N, C-alpha and C. Protein backbone atom coordinates (compact mmCIF):
# COMPACT_ATOMS: atom_id res chain seq x y z
N MET A 1 -19.60 31.18 138.47
CA MET A 1 -18.66 31.75 139.44
C MET A 1 -17.47 32.32 138.70
N THR A 2 -17.22 33.62 138.84
CA THR A 2 -16.11 34.23 138.13
C THR A 2 -14.78 33.90 138.81
N ILE A 3 -13.72 33.87 138.01
CA ILE A 3 -12.40 33.45 138.47
C ILE A 3 -11.41 34.57 138.20
N LYS A 4 -10.56 34.85 139.13
CA LYS A 4 -9.53 35.87 138.93
C LYS A 4 -8.40 35.31 138.06
N LYS A 5 -7.80 36.22 137.24
CA LYS A 5 -6.71 35.80 136.39
C LYS A 5 -5.57 35.24 137.24
N GLY A 6 -4.94 34.18 136.75
CA GLY A 6 -3.83 33.56 137.46
C GLY A 6 -4.25 32.37 138.29
N ARG A 7 -5.55 32.25 138.55
CA ARG A 7 -6.05 31.10 139.30
C ARG A 7 -6.53 30.03 138.34
N GLU A 8 -6.29 28.79 138.71
CA GLU A 8 -6.75 27.69 137.88
C GLU A 8 -8.27 27.57 137.98
N TRP A 9 -8.85 27.16 136.87
CA TRP A 9 -10.30 26.91 136.91
C TRP A 9 -10.60 25.76 135.97
N GLY A 10 -11.74 25.12 136.21
CA GLY A 10 -12.11 23.96 135.42
C GLY A 10 -11.79 22.67 136.14
N HIS A 11 -12.40 21.59 135.65
CA HIS A 11 -12.14 20.28 136.21
C HIS A 11 -12.44 19.24 135.14
N TYR A 12 -11.88 18.05 135.32
CA TYR A 12 -12.09 16.98 134.34
C TYR A 12 -13.44 16.31 134.58
N SER A 13 -14.11 16.04 133.48
CA SER A 13 -15.48 15.51 133.55
C SER A 13 -15.71 14.57 132.37
N GLN A 14 -16.68 13.67 132.53
CA GLN A 14 -17.06 12.80 131.43
C GLN A 14 -17.67 13.63 130.30
N ARG A 15 -17.38 13.22 129.07
CA ARG A 15 -17.92 13.91 127.90
C ARG A 15 -19.45 13.86 127.93
N PRO A 16 -20.12 15.03 127.92
CA PRO A 16 -21.59 15.03 128.00
C PRO A 16 -22.22 14.51 126.71
N SER A 17 -23.39 13.92 126.83
CA SER A 17 -24.06 13.34 125.67
C SER A 17 -24.53 14.41 124.69
N ASP A 18 -24.75 15.63 125.18
CA ASP A 18 -25.24 16.70 124.31
C ASP A 18 -24.12 17.65 123.86
N LEU A 19 -22.87 17.18 123.90
CA LEU A 19 -21.73 18.02 123.52
C LEU A 19 -21.82 18.43 122.05
N GLN A 20 -21.74 19.73 121.80
CA GLN A 20 -21.71 20.27 120.45
C GLN A 20 -20.25 20.47 120.05
N VAL A 21 -19.85 19.96 118.89
CA VAL A 21 -18.47 20.07 118.43
C VAL A 21 -18.42 20.98 117.21
N VAL A 22 -17.56 22.01 117.27
CA VAL A 22 -17.41 22.94 116.15
C VAL A 22 -15.94 23.07 115.79
N ALA A 23 -15.68 23.57 114.58
CA ALA A 23 -14.32 23.59 114.05
C ALA A 23 -13.45 24.69 114.64
N ASP A 24 -14.02 25.88 114.83
CA ASP A 24 -13.21 27.01 115.26
C ASP A 24 -14.07 28.01 116.04
N ASP A 25 -13.46 29.13 116.43
CA ASP A 25 -14.14 30.10 117.28
C ASP A 25 -15.31 30.78 116.57
N PHE A 26 -15.18 31.06 115.28
CA PHE A 26 -16.28 31.69 114.57
C PHE A 26 -17.47 30.73 114.46
N ALA A 27 -17.18 29.46 114.18
CA ALA A 27 -18.26 28.46 114.16
C ALA A 27 -18.90 28.33 115.54
N ALA A 28 -18.10 28.48 116.60
CA ALA A 28 -18.64 28.46 117.96
C ALA A 28 -19.59 29.63 118.17
N SER A 29 -19.22 30.81 117.66
CA SER A 29 -20.08 31.98 117.76
C SER A 29 -21.42 31.74 117.08
N GLU A 30 -21.38 31.16 115.89
CA GLU A 30 -22.62 30.88 115.16
C GLU A 30 -23.49 29.88 115.91
N LYS A 31 -22.87 28.82 116.41
CA LYS A 31 -23.62 27.78 117.13
C LYS A 31 -24.21 28.32 118.43
N ILE A 32 -23.41 29.07 119.20
CA ILE A 32 -23.89 29.61 120.47
C ILE A 32 -25.05 30.57 120.25
N THR A 33 -24.93 31.43 119.24
CA THR A 33 -26.01 32.38 118.94
C THR A 33 -27.29 31.63 118.58
N GLN A 34 -27.15 30.58 117.79
CA GLN A 34 -28.31 29.76 117.41
C GLN A 34 -28.96 29.14 118.63
N LEU A 35 -28.16 28.59 119.53
CA LEU A 35 -28.70 27.93 120.71
C LEU A 35 -29.34 28.92 121.68
N PHE A 36 -28.67 30.06 121.89
CA PHE A 36 -29.22 31.08 122.78
C PHE A 36 -30.55 31.60 122.25
N ASP A 37 -30.61 31.84 120.95
CA ASP A 37 -31.84 32.37 120.36
C ASP A 37 -32.99 31.37 120.48
N ALA A 38 -32.64 30.09 120.53
CA ALA A 38 -33.67 29.05 120.68
C ALA A 38 -33.92 28.70 122.14
N SER A 39 -33.26 29.45 123.05
CA SER A 39 -33.40 29.23 124.50
C SER A 39 -33.00 27.82 124.91
N ILE A 40 -31.98 27.28 124.23
CA ILE A 40 -31.47 25.95 124.55
C ILE A 40 -30.28 26.08 125.49
N THR A 41 -30.46 25.68 126.72
CA THR A 41 -29.39 25.70 127.71
C THR A 41 -29.47 24.43 128.56
N PRO A 42 -28.39 24.01 129.20
CA PRO A 42 -27.06 24.61 129.15
C PRO A 42 -26.38 24.35 127.81
N ILE A 43 -25.35 25.13 127.51
CA ILE A 43 -24.60 24.97 126.28
C ILE A 43 -23.27 24.30 126.60
N ASN A 44 -23.08 23.10 126.06
CA ASN A 44 -21.83 22.35 126.21
C ASN A 44 -21.16 22.26 124.85
N LEU A 45 -19.94 22.81 124.75
CA LEU A 45 -19.32 23.00 123.45
C LEU A 45 -17.85 22.58 123.48
N ALA A 46 -17.40 21.99 122.38
CA ALA A 46 -15.98 21.69 122.19
C ALA A 46 -15.53 22.36 120.89
N ILE A 47 -14.41 23.10 120.96
CA ILE A 47 -13.88 23.81 119.80
C ILE A 47 -12.56 23.14 119.41
N VAL A 48 -12.52 22.60 118.20
CA VAL A 48 -11.35 21.82 117.77
C VAL A 48 -10.12 22.70 117.63
N HIS A 49 -10.25 23.84 116.94
CA HIS A 49 -9.14 24.78 116.78
C HIS A 49 -9.57 26.12 117.35
N SER A 50 -9.01 26.49 118.50
CA SER A 50 -9.50 27.68 119.19
C SER A 50 -8.36 28.56 119.69
N VAL A 51 -8.48 29.86 119.40
CA VAL A 51 -7.55 30.84 119.99
C VAL A 51 -7.70 30.85 121.50
N MET A 52 -8.91 30.64 121.98
CA MET A 52 -9.18 30.66 123.40
C MET A 52 -8.41 29.59 124.16
N ALA A 53 -8.05 28.52 123.49
CA ALA A 53 -7.32 27.43 124.15
C ALA A 53 -5.98 27.90 124.70
N ARG A 54 -5.43 28.96 124.11
CA ARG A 54 -4.12 29.45 124.58
C ARG A 54 -4.19 29.91 126.03
N ALA A 55 -5.35 30.39 126.46
CA ALA A 55 -5.52 30.80 127.86
C ALA A 55 -5.33 29.62 128.80
N LEU A 56 -5.48 28.40 128.27
CA LEU A 56 -5.32 27.19 129.08
C LEU A 56 -3.99 26.50 128.81
N GLY A 57 -3.22 27.06 127.87
CA GLY A 57 -1.94 26.45 127.52
C GLY A 57 -2.07 25.22 126.65
N ILE A 58 -3.19 25.12 125.89
CA ILE A 58 -3.41 23.97 125.01
C ILE A 58 -3.77 24.49 123.61
N LYS A 59 -3.95 23.59 122.67
CA LYS A 59 -4.23 23.99 121.29
C LYS A 59 -5.71 23.88 120.91
N GLY A 60 -6.45 23.04 121.61
CA GLY A 60 -7.86 22.86 121.29
C GLY A 60 -8.40 21.63 121.99
N ALA A 61 -9.61 21.26 121.65
CA ALA A 61 -10.27 20.15 122.31
C ALA A 61 -9.63 18.82 121.96
N ASN A 62 -9.48 17.96 122.95
CA ASN A 62 -8.96 16.60 122.77
C ASN A 62 -10.14 15.63 122.71
N LEU A 63 -10.68 15.46 121.53
CA LEU A 63 -11.91 14.68 121.38
C LEU A 63 -11.67 13.18 121.39
N GLY A 64 -10.41 12.77 121.47
CA GLY A 64 -10.11 11.35 121.52
C GLY A 64 -10.28 10.74 122.89
N SER A 65 -10.61 11.56 123.87
CA SER A 65 -10.75 11.07 125.24
C SER A 65 -12.21 11.16 125.70
N SER A 66 -12.61 10.25 126.55
CA SER A 66 -13.96 10.29 127.10
C SER A 66 -14.03 11.22 128.31
N THR A 67 -12.87 11.60 128.83
CA THR A 67 -12.79 12.54 129.95
C THR A 67 -12.16 13.83 129.45
N LEU A 68 -12.87 14.93 129.58
CA LEU A 68 -12.42 16.21 129.04
C LEU A 68 -12.34 17.25 130.14
N LEU A 69 -11.50 18.26 129.91
CA LEU A 69 -11.41 19.38 130.83
C LEU A 69 -12.60 20.30 130.59
N LYS A 70 -13.41 20.49 131.62
CA LYS A 70 -14.59 21.36 131.52
C LYS A 70 -14.27 22.71 132.15
N THR A 71 -14.46 23.78 131.37
CA THR A 71 -14.23 25.13 131.87
C THR A 71 -15.46 25.99 131.60
N GLN A 72 -15.82 26.78 132.59
CA GLN A 72 -16.93 27.70 132.44
C GLN A 72 -16.41 29.02 131.85
N PHE A 73 -17.02 29.49 130.77
CA PHE A 73 -16.58 30.71 130.10
C PHE A 73 -17.70 31.74 130.09
N ASP A 74 -17.29 33.01 130.21
CA ASP A 74 -18.22 34.10 129.93
C ASP A 74 -18.43 34.19 128.42
N LEU A 75 -19.53 34.80 128.02
CA LEU A 75 -19.74 35.17 126.62
C LEU A 75 -19.81 36.69 126.52
N ILE A 76 -19.56 37.19 125.32
CA ILE A 76 -19.81 38.59 125.03
C ILE A 76 -20.89 38.65 123.96
N GLN A 77 -21.89 39.47 124.19
CA GLN A 77 -22.93 39.68 123.19
C GLN A 77 -22.66 41.00 122.47
N ALA A 78 -22.55 40.93 121.15
CA ALA A 78 -22.44 42.12 120.31
C ALA A 78 -23.81 42.44 119.74
N ILE A 79 -24.27 43.66 119.97
CA ILE A 79 -25.57 44.11 119.47
C ILE A 79 -25.28 45.27 118.52
N PHE A 80 -25.59 45.10 117.24
CA PHE A 80 -25.12 46.07 116.25
C PHE A 80 -26.17 46.31 115.17
N THR A 81 -26.00 47.45 114.49
CA THR A 81 -26.88 47.81 113.38
C THR A 81 -26.10 47.74 112.08
N PRO A 82 -26.37 46.76 111.23
CA PRO A 82 -25.69 46.68 109.94
C PRO A 82 -26.03 47.87 109.05
N VAL A 83 -25.09 48.29 108.23
CA VAL A 83 -25.30 49.44 107.36
C VAL A 83 -26.46 49.21 106.41
N GLU A 84 -26.65 47.96 105.95
CA GLU A 84 -27.74 47.71 105.00
C GLU A 84 -29.10 47.98 105.62
N ASN A 85 -29.21 47.81 106.95
CA ASN A 85 -30.47 48.16 107.61
C ASN A 85 -30.73 49.65 107.55
N ARG A 86 -29.66 50.43 107.78
CA ARG A 86 -29.81 51.87 107.72
C ARG A 86 -30.15 52.33 106.30
N ALA A 87 -29.47 51.72 105.31
CA ALA A 87 -29.71 52.09 103.92
C ALA A 87 -31.14 51.76 103.49
N ALA A 88 -31.70 50.71 104.08
CA ALA A 88 -33.07 50.31 103.75
C ALA A 88 -34.10 50.99 104.64
N LYS A 89 -33.65 52.03 105.36
CA LYS A 89 -34.52 52.79 106.26
C LYS A 89 -35.07 51.94 107.39
N ASN A 90 -34.27 50.92 107.76
CA ASN A 90 -34.61 50.09 108.91
C ASN A 90 -33.57 50.28 110.00
N SER A 91 -33.20 51.53 110.23
CA SER A 91 -32.08 51.84 111.12
C SER A 91 -32.32 51.41 112.56
N ASP A 92 -33.57 51.14 112.91
CA ASP A 92 -33.86 50.71 114.28
C ASP A 92 -33.79 49.20 114.45
N ILE A 93 -33.51 48.48 113.37
CA ILE A 93 -33.43 47.02 113.43
C ILE A 93 -31.99 46.60 113.72
N GLU A 94 -31.80 45.97 114.87
CA GLU A 94 -30.46 45.56 115.28
C GLU A 94 -30.26 44.06 115.04
N SER A 95 -29.02 43.69 114.87
CA SER A 95 -28.62 42.29 114.84
C SER A 95 -27.79 42.01 116.09
N HIS A 96 -27.56 40.75 116.36
CA HIS A 96 -26.72 40.42 117.50
C HIS A 96 -25.99 39.11 117.26
N ARG A 97 -24.93 38.94 118.01
CA ARG A 97 -24.16 37.70 117.95
C ARG A 97 -23.42 37.53 119.27
N TYR A 98 -23.37 36.29 119.75
CA TYR A 98 -22.59 35.95 120.93
C TYR A 98 -21.24 35.39 120.49
N PHE A 99 -20.20 35.65 121.28
CA PHE A 99 -18.90 35.07 120.95
C PHE A 99 -18.09 34.85 122.23
N VAL A 100 -17.09 33.96 122.13
CA VAL A 100 -16.28 33.63 123.30
C VAL A 100 -14.92 34.30 123.28
N GLY A 101 -14.48 34.80 122.12
CA GLY A 101 -13.12 35.30 122.00
C GLY A 101 -12.98 36.80 121.89
N ASN A 102 -13.08 37.33 120.66
CA ASN A 102 -12.81 38.75 120.48
C ASN A 102 -13.59 39.33 119.31
N ALA A 103 -13.70 40.64 119.34
CA ALA A 103 -14.28 41.40 118.24
C ALA A 103 -13.42 42.64 118.03
N PHE A 104 -13.34 43.08 116.76
CA PHE A 104 -12.60 44.29 116.44
C PHE A 104 -13.46 45.19 115.56
N ILE A 105 -13.30 46.48 115.76
CA ILE A 105 -14.01 47.47 114.98
C ILE A 105 -12.99 48.38 114.32
N GLY A 106 -13.10 48.57 112.99
CA GLY A 106 -12.16 49.44 112.29
C GLY A 106 -12.27 49.31 110.79
N LYS A 107 -11.32 49.90 110.11
CA LYS A 107 -11.32 49.91 108.65
C LYS A 107 -10.80 48.61 108.06
N SER A 108 -9.95 47.90 108.82
CA SER A 108 -9.43 46.62 108.35
C SER A 108 -9.18 45.72 109.54
N ARG A 109 -8.87 44.45 109.29
CA ARG A 109 -8.76 43.44 110.33
C ARG A 109 -7.68 43.75 111.36
N LEU A 110 -6.58 44.39 110.95
CA LEU A 110 -5.48 44.62 111.89
C LEU A 110 -5.02 46.07 111.87
N HIS A 111 -4.53 46.52 110.71
CA HIS A 111 -3.89 47.83 110.66
C HIS A 111 -4.87 48.98 110.85
N GLY A 112 -6.15 48.75 110.52
CA GLY A 112 -7.12 49.83 110.67
C GLY A 112 -7.99 49.70 111.90
N VAL A 113 -7.63 48.82 112.83
CA VAL A 113 -8.45 48.60 114.02
C VAL A 113 -8.47 49.84 114.91
N ARG A 114 -9.66 50.24 115.31
CA ARG A 114 -9.82 51.32 116.27
C ARG A 114 -10.08 50.78 117.68
N VAL A 115 -10.85 49.68 117.74
CA VAL A 115 -11.27 49.14 119.03
C VAL A 115 -11.18 47.61 119.00
N GLY A 116 -10.69 47.04 120.07
CA GLY A 116 -10.74 45.60 120.27
C GLY A 116 -11.51 45.29 121.54
N VAL A 117 -12.45 44.35 121.47
CA VAL A 117 -13.22 43.93 122.65
C VAL A 117 -12.90 42.46 122.88
N MET A 118 -12.30 42.17 124.02
CA MET A 118 -11.70 40.87 124.24
C MET A 118 -12.34 40.16 125.44
N ASN A 119 -12.40 38.83 125.34
CA ASN A 119 -12.78 37.99 126.46
C ASN A 119 -11.55 37.32 127.06
N SER A 120 -10.49 37.23 126.27
CA SER A 120 -9.23 36.66 126.69
C SER A 120 -8.10 37.53 126.16
N SER A 121 -6.90 37.29 126.61
CA SER A 121 -5.77 38.13 126.22
C SER A 121 -5.46 38.05 124.74
N PHE A 122 -5.63 36.88 124.15
CA PHE A 122 -4.96 36.60 122.89
C PHE A 122 -5.85 36.69 121.65
N ASP A 123 -5.22 37.16 120.59
CA ASP A 123 -5.74 37.01 119.24
C ASP A 123 -4.59 36.50 118.39
N LYS A 124 -4.65 35.23 118.06
CA LYS A 124 -3.55 34.56 117.38
C LYS A 124 -2.29 34.68 118.23
N LYS A 125 -1.21 35.31 117.71
CA LYS A 125 0.05 35.37 118.46
C LYS A 125 0.19 36.66 119.27
N ARG A 126 -0.85 37.47 119.31
CA ARG A 126 -0.75 38.77 119.99
C ARG A 126 -1.53 38.77 121.30
N ASP A 127 -0.88 39.35 122.31
CA ASP A 127 -1.46 39.47 123.65
C ASP A 127 -2.03 40.88 123.79
N TRP A 128 -3.28 41.05 123.35
CA TRP A 128 -3.90 42.38 123.32
C TRP A 128 -4.23 42.91 124.71
N ALA A 129 -4.73 42.05 125.56
CA ALA A 129 -5.31 42.50 126.84
C ALA A 129 -4.68 41.73 127.99
N PRO A 130 -3.54 42.19 128.48
CA PRO A 130 -2.78 41.40 129.47
C PRO A 130 -3.52 41.07 130.76
N ARG A 131 -4.55 41.85 131.13
CA ARG A 131 -5.27 41.56 132.37
C ARG A 131 -6.50 40.70 132.16
N ALA A 132 -6.77 40.31 130.94
CA ALA A 132 -8.01 39.60 130.63
C ALA A 132 -8.01 38.17 131.16
N HIS A 133 -9.20 37.72 131.52
CA HIS A 133 -9.44 36.32 131.89
C HIS A 133 -10.84 35.97 131.37
N PRO A 134 -11.00 34.83 130.71
CA PRO A 134 -12.29 34.52 130.06
C PRO A 134 -13.41 34.12 131.02
N ASN A 135 -13.20 34.26 132.32
CA ASN A 135 -14.27 33.95 133.26
C ASN A 135 -14.20 34.89 134.47
N ASP A 136 -13.91 36.18 134.19
CA ASP A 136 -13.82 37.15 135.29
C ASP A 136 -15.02 38.09 135.35
N GLY A 137 -16.03 37.84 134.49
CA GLY A 137 -17.21 38.67 134.52
C GLY A 137 -17.05 40.04 133.91
N ARG A 138 -15.96 40.24 133.13
CA ARG A 138 -15.71 41.54 132.51
C ARG A 138 -15.19 41.34 131.09
N LEU A 139 -15.47 42.30 130.23
CA LEU A 139 -14.85 42.34 128.91
C LEU A 139 -13.73 43.37 128.95
N ASP A 140 -12.73 43.17 128.11
CA ASP A 140 -11.56 44.04 128.06
C ASP A 140 -11.59 44.84 126.77
N VAL A 141 -11.42 46.15 126.88
CA VAL A 141 -11.53 47.06 125.73
C VAL A 141 -10.19 47.74 125.48
N ILE A 142 -9.73 47.67 124.23
CA ILE A 142 -8.52 48.35 123.79
C ILE A 142 -8.91 49.35 122.71
N GLU A 143 -8.65 50.64 122.97
CA GLU A 143 -9.02 51.69 122.04
C GLU A 143 -7.78 52.42 121.54
N PHE A 144 -7.56 52.40 120.23
CA PHE A 144 -6.51 53.20 119.62
C PHE A 144 -7.05 54.62 119.42
N GLN A 145 -6.36 55.60 119.97
CA GLN A 145 -6.79 56.98 119.81
C GLN A 145 -6.55 57.45 118.37
N GLU A 146 -7.40 58.38 117.91
CA GLU A 146 -7.29 58.87 116.54
C GLU A 146 -5.94 59.48 116.24
N ARG A 147 -5.34 60.09 117.25
CA ARG A 147 -4.09 60.81 117.02
C ARG A 147 -2.87 59.89 116.92
N ILE A 148 -3.02 58.60 117.18
CA ILE A 148 -1.87 57.71 117.12
C ILE A 148 -1.33 57.63 115.69
N LYS A 149 -0.04 57.77 115.54
CA LYS A 149 0.58 57.75 114.23
C LYS A 149 0.77 56.31 113.76
N PHE A 150 0.86 56.15 112.44
CA PHE A 150 0.97 54.82 111.87
C PHE A 150 2.17 54.07 112.42
N ARG A 151 3.31 54.73 112.51
CA ARG A 151 4.51 54.06 113.01
C ARG A 151 4.32 53.62 114.46
N GLN A 152 3.71 54.47 115.29
CA GLN A 152 3.44 54.10 116.67
C GLN A 152 2.51 52.89 116.75
N ARG A 153 1.51 52.86 115.87
CA ARG A 153 0.58 51.73 115.83
C ARG A 153 1.31 50.44 115.51
N MET A 154 2.21 50.49 114.51
CA MET A 154 2.94 49.29 114.11
C MET A 154 3.86 48.81 115.22
N VAL A 155 4.51 49.74 115.92
CA VAL A 155 5.37 49.37 117.04
C VAL A 155 4.53 48.70 118.13
N ALA A 156 3.37 49.27 118.42
CA ALA A 156 2.50 48.70 119.45
C ALA A 156 2.03 47.30 119.07
N ILE A 157 1.67 47.11 117.81
CA ILE A 157 1.21 45.80 117.35
C ILE A 157 2.33 44.76 117.44
N ARG A 158 3.55 45.17 117.10
CA ARG A 158 4.69 44.23 117.25
C ARG A 158 4.91 43.87 118.72
N ARG A 159 4.74 44.84 119.58
CA ARG A 159 4.97 44.60 121.01
C ARG A 159 3.88 43.73 121.62
N MET A 160 2.75 43.61 120.94
CA MET A 160 1.67 42.77 121.45
C MET A 160 2.08 41.30 121.52
N LYS A 161 3.09 40.91 120.77
CA LYS A 161 3.54 39.52 120.82
C LYS A 161 4.04 39.15 122.21
N SER A 162 4.53 40.15 122.95
CA SER A 162 5.01 39.90 124.31
C SER A 162 4.14 40.58 125.36
N GLY A 163 3.07 41.27 124.91
CA GLY A 163 2.18 41.95 125.84
C GLY A 163 2.78 43.19 126.48
N THR A 164 3.78 43.79 125.81
CA THR A 164 4.47 44.95 126.38
C THR A 164 4.07 46.26 125.70
N HIS A 165 2.94 46.27 125.01
CA HIS A 165 2.49 47.48 124.32
C HIS A 165 1.80 48.47 125.25
N LEU A 166 1.52 48.05 126.46
CA LEU A 166 0.86 48.91 127.45
C LEU A 166 1.76 49.11 128.66
N PRO A 167 1.67 50.27 129.30
CA PRO A 167 0.83 51.42 128.97
C PRO A 167 1.35 52.19 127.76
N HIS A 168 0.43 52.89 127.09
CA HIS A 168 0.76 53.69 125.92
C HIS A 168 -0.13 54.94 125.94
N PRO A 169 0.44 56.11 125.70
CA PRO A 169 -0.36 57.34 125.80
C PRO A 169 -1.51 57.43 124.81
N ASN A 170 -1.43 56.68 123.71
CA ASN A 170 -2.46 56.76 122.68
C ASN A 170 -3.28 55.47 122.55
N ILE A 171 -3.16 54.60 123.55
CA ILE A 171 -3.97 53.38 123.60
C ILE A 171 -4.65 53.32 124.97
N ARG A 172 -5.96 53.31 124.96
CA ARG A 172 -6.72 53.22 126.20
C ARG A 172 -7.15 51.78 126.43
N TYR A 173 -6.91 51.29 127.63
CA TYR A 173 -7.26 49.91 127.98
C TYR A 173 -8.06 49.94 129.27
N HIS A 174 -9.27 49.36 129.23
CA HIS A 174 -10.06 49.29 130.44
C HIS A 174 -10.96 48.06 130.41
N GLN A 175 -11.51 47.74 131.55
CA GLN A 175 -12.40 46.60 131.71
C GLN A 175 -13.79 47.10 132.09
N ALA A 176 -14.81 46.39 131.65
CA ALA A 176 -16.18 46.82 131.90
C ALA A 176 -17.12 45.63 131.74
N THR A 177 -18.38 45.81 132.11
CA THR A 177 -19.40 44.80 131.85
C THR A 177 -20.20 45.14 130.60
N GLU A 178 -20.16 46.43 130.19
CA GLU A 178 -20.81 46.88 128.96
C GLU A 178 -19.92 47.93 128.29
N TYR A 179 -20.03 48.01 126.98
CA TYR A 179 -19.25 49.01 126.25
C TYR A 179 -19.97 49.35 124.95
N SER A 180 -20.09 50.66 124.67
CA SER A 180 -20.67 51.13 123.41
C SER A 180 -19.57 51.76 122.57
N ALA A 181 -19.44 51.32 121.33
CA ALA A 181 -18.37 51.79 120.45
C ALA A 181 -18.82 52.99 119.62
N ASP A 182 -17.86 53.82 119.29
CA ASP A 182 -18.11 54.94 118.39
C ASP A 182 -18.08 54.41 116.95
N CYS A 183 -19.23 54.43 116.30
CA CYS A 183 -19.32 53.91 114.93
C CYS A 183 -19.67 55.01 113.93
N SER A 184 -19.29 56.25 114.27
CA SER A 184 -19.64 57.38 113.41
C SER A 184 -19.00 57.30 112.03
N GLU A 185 -17.87 56.60 111.93
CA GLU A 185 -17.20 56.43 110.64
C GLU A 185 -17.71 55.22 109.87
N VAL A 186 -18.73 54.57 110.38
CA VAL A 186 -19.35 53.37 109.78
C VAL A 186 -18.26 52.33 109.48
N PRO A 187 -17.62 51.82 110.52
CA PRO A 187 -16.52 50.87 110.34
C PRO A 187 -17.01 49.46 110.07
N TYR A 188 -16.05 48.56 109.88
CA TYR A 188 -16.35 47.13 109.77
C TYR A 188 -16.31 46.51 111.16
N LEU A 189 -17.11 45.48 111.36
CA LEU A 189 -17.10 44.68 112.58
C LEU A 189 -16.55 43.30 112.26
N PHE A 190 -15.51 42.92 112.99
CA PHE A 190 -14.91 41.59 112.84
C PHE A 190 -15.16 40.81 114.13
N ILE A 191 -15.73 39.63 114.01
CA ILE A 191 -15.96 38.76 115.16
C ILE A 191 -15.23 37.45 114.93
N GLU A 192 -14.38 37.09 115.88
CA GLU A 192 -13.58 35.86 115.78
C GLU A 192 -12.86 35.78 114.43
N GLY A 193 -12.32 36.91 113.98
CA GLY A 193 -11.52 36.92 112.76
C GLY A 193 -12.29 37.05 111.47
N GLN A 194 -13.63 37.05 111.53
CA GLN A 194 -14.44 37.11 110.32
C GLN A 194 -15.13 38.47 110.20
N ASN A 195 -15.16 38.99 108.99
CA ASN A 195 -15.80 40.26 108.71
C ASN A 195 -17.32 40.09 108.70
N VAL A 196 -18.00 40.69 109.67
CA VAL A 196 -19.45 40.61 109.75
C VAL A 196 -20.11 41.66 108.87
N GLY A 197 -19.38 42.73 108.55
CA GLY A 197 -19.90 43.79 107.68
C GLY A 197 -19.76 45.16 108.32
N ARG A 198 -20.17 46.19 107.59
CA ARG A 198 -20.12 47.55 108.10
C ARG A 198 -21.30 47.81 109.04
N ILE A 199 -21.04 48.61 110.05
CA ILE A 199 -22.04 48.85 111.08
C ILE A 199 -22.17 50.35 111.37
N SER A 200 -23.37 50.75 111.81
CA SER A 200 -23.58 52.15 112.18
C SER A 200 -23.73 52.32 113.69
N SER A 201 -23.82 51.21 114.42
CA SER A 201 -23.83 51.26 115.89
C SER A 201 -23.44 49.89 116.41
N CYS A 202 -22.87 49.86 117.61
CA CYS A 202 -22.48 48.58 118.21
C CYS A 202 -22.25 48.75 119.70
N ARG A 203 -22.79 47.83 120.47
CA ARG A 203 -22.51 47.79 121.89
C ARG A 203 -22.26 46.34 122.30
N PHE A 204 -21.51 46.18 123.37
CA PHE A 204 -21.11 44.86 123.83
C PHE A 204 -21.51 44.68 125.29
N VAL A 205 -21.99 43.49 125.62
CA VAL A 205 -22.45 43.18 126.98
C VAL A 205 -21.87 41.84 127.40
N ILE A 206 -21.31 41.78 128.61
CA ILE A 206 -20.78 40.52 129.11
C ILE A 206 -21.93 39.65 129.63
N VAL A 207 -21.84 38.36 129.36
CA VAL A 207 -22.82 37.38 129.86
C VAL A 207 -22.04 36.36 130.69
N PRO A 208 -21.99 36.51 132.00
CA PRO A 208 -21.13 35.67 132.84
C PRO A 208 -21.55 34.20 132.85
N ASP A 209 -20.53 33.32 132.93
CA ASP A 209 -20.78 31.88 133.13
C ASP A 209 -21.80 31.31 132.17
N ALA A 210 -21.72 31.68 130.90
CA ALA A 210 -22.81 31.37 129.98
C ALA A 210 -22.64 30.07 129.19
N VAL A 211 -21.41 29.56 129.11
CA VAL A 211 -21.17 28.38 128.29
C VAL A 211 -20.10 27.51 128.94
N SER A 212 -20.25 26.20 128.80
CA SER A 212 -19.24 25.25 129.26
C SER A 212 -18.44 24.78 128.06
N LEU A 213 -17.14 25.04 128.07
CA LEU A 213 -16.26 24.59 126.99
C LEU A 213 -15.47 23.38 127.46
N TYR A 214 -15.43 22.37 126.61
CA TYR A 214 -14.73 21.11 126.91
C TYR A 214 -13.49 20.98 126.05
N TRP A 215 -12.38 20.54 126.67
CA TRP A 215 -11.10 20.50 125.95
C TRP A 215 -10.45 19.12 126.07
């Protein structure tokens, strides 16, 4: 069941016996992808250090308690073609990964970002997508236009700390259930802060109510 931003969601529940505990959001992405690929559901997960926890006003999972806050989260599936596949003449072979937080496409992790695909507002201390909610059935897309100047980009990134970078004439922000990125420049793909590698194609699909996160 999707939830509108601003409404409380989740409830306290006993810690499930099959709870998977991971260190951070990238480890969560690896674990979720492994479980999905093995058709193991439902997925019950606790993330010790999570950017996603900020959406709840907490820092991470409280594993010292037998009663935890259970929240239903959407997932985003990234389906992409690594450059090495294209170089090996396997350009039709795609890879994929599920994640709960965010992905970025660009020349570098921050200053060279062209596109951000978000499940929640936050990436570390920056509020990229002010309308985002991690259980609204939509992914949030932030696109820096090519014509944006470096100084304008830096001002916008500074303003992200307070979420006041939008509206901006050279930044497009929209919500969708699917999104295909322009990868003509063969950019890098970053998922949950980690460099996955250079890609020649990438699309993102929302997977509603796909994982239960315990805090």
